[in-house]
Protein backbone atom coordinates (compact mmCIF):
# COMPACT_ATOMS: atom_id res chain seq x y z
CA MET A 1 -51.09 -27.42 73.29
CA ASN A 2 -48.22 -28.32 70.96
CA ASN A 3 -48.52 -29.10 67.25
CA THR A 4 -48.52 -32.88 67.73
CA GLN A 5 -51.37 -32.72 70.26
CA SER A 6 -53.52 -30.40 68.14
CA GLN A 7 -52.94 -32.44 64.98
CA SER A 8 -53.83 -35.57 66.88
CA ALA A 9 -57.06 -33.99 68.15
CA LEU A 10 -57.95 -32.73 64.68
CA TYR A 11 -57.23 -36.14 63.19
CA HIS A 12 -59.53 -37.75 65.76
CA HIS A 13 -62.38 -35.34 64.98
CA VAL A 14 -62.06 -35.84 61.24
CA GLU A 15 -61.84 -39.61 61.64
CA GLN A 16 -64.98 -39.60 63.79
CA ALA A 17 -66.88 -37.42 61.32
CA VAL A 18 -65.96 -39.74 58.44
CA HIS A 19 -66.95 -42.78 60.49
CA ASP A 20 -70.30 -41.22 61.40
CA TYR A 21 -70.98 -40.21 57.81
CA LEU A 22 -70.22 -43.69 56.51
CA HIS A 23 -72.31 -45.29 59.25
CA ASN A 24 -75.28 -43.08 58.35
CA LEU A 25 -75.07 -44.15 54.69
CA ALA A 26 -76.53 -47.48 55.82
CA GLY A 27 -75.05 -49.36 52.87
CA GLU A 28 -76.02 -46.75 50.27
CA ASN A 29 -73.45 -46.49 47.49
CA THR A 30 -71.83 -43.14 46.90
CA THR A 31 -69.19 -41.78 44.56
CA ASN A 32 -66.90 -38.75 44.54
CA MET A 33 -66.39 -38.98 48.29
CA TYR A 34 -63.02 -37.26 48.03
CA GLU A 35 -64.59 -34.18 46.43
CA LEU A 36 -67.55 -34.33 48.80
CA PHE A 37 -65.34 -34.34 51.91
CA LEU A 38 -63.03 -31.62 50.60
CA HIS A 39 -65.99 -29.40 49.77
CA GLU A 40 -67.64 -30.01 53.16
CA LEU A 41 -64.41 -29.29 55.03
CA GLU A 42 -63.32 -26.25 53.04
CA LYS A 43 -66.25 -23.90 53.72
CA PRO A 44 -66.27 -24.19 57.53
CA LEU A 45 -62.46 -23.98 57.51
CA LEU A 46 -62.59 -20.74 55.53
CA ILE A 47 -65.36 -19.30 57.72
CA SER A 48 -63.55 -20.18 60.94
CA LEU A 49 -60.22 -18.75 59.82
CA LEU A 50 -61.82 -15.60 58.46
CA LYS A 51 -63.53 -15.06 61.82
CA HIS A 52 -60.25 -15.79 63.63
CA THR A 53 -58.46 -13.11 61.58
CA ASN A 54 -61.35 -10.61 61.78
CA HIS A 55 -61.95 -11.19 58.06
CA ASN A 56 -58.42 -10.20 57.11
CA GLN A 57 -58.01 -12.08 53.83
CA SER A 58 -54.24 -11.62 53.69
CA LYS A 59 -53.79 -13.17 57.15
CA THR A 60 -56.25 -15.95 56.36
CA ALA A 61 -54.48 -16.77 53.11
CA LYS A 62 -51.14 -16.85 54.91
CA MET A 63 -52.50 -19.21 57.58
CA LEU A 64 -53.78 -21.51 54.83
CA GLY A 65 -50.57 -21.35 52.82
CA LEU A 66 -52.44 -19.86 49.85
CA ASN A 67 -52.09 -16.65 47.95
CA ARG A 68 -54.87 -14.12 48.42
CA GLY A 69 -56.24 -14.64 44.91
CA THR A 70 -56.67 -18.37 45.50
CA LEU A 71 -58.38 -17.67 48.82
CA ARG A 72 -60.78 -15.25 47.12
CA ALA A 73 -61.58 -17.83 44.42
CA LYS A 74 -62.36 -20.42 47.11
CA MET A 75 -64.47 -17.88 48.99
CA LYS A 76 -66.42 -17.15 45.81
CA THR A 77 -66.96 -20.89 45.20
CA HIS A 78 -68.54 -21.15 48.66
CA GLY A 79 -70.59 -17.97 48.40
CA LEU A 80 -68.49 -16.11 50.95
CA LEU A 81 -67.86 -13.05 48.77
């Protein structure tokens, strides 16, 4: 699968998740959705990449385009350290 195909598939999954979330709100008002979605996406992303790299933080940080210290701070935020 090339980059365009995988990005397209990822986009579709994210779009569907957002659609489903909004549909389930049933008209309820909400705020801070940007922060909510980032927080909800970040933890499973970190977990998945850490598993993929056999918990090698340096490799995970590189895959994310972060330095290792930033990765560790994010891991701490999500209770992964």
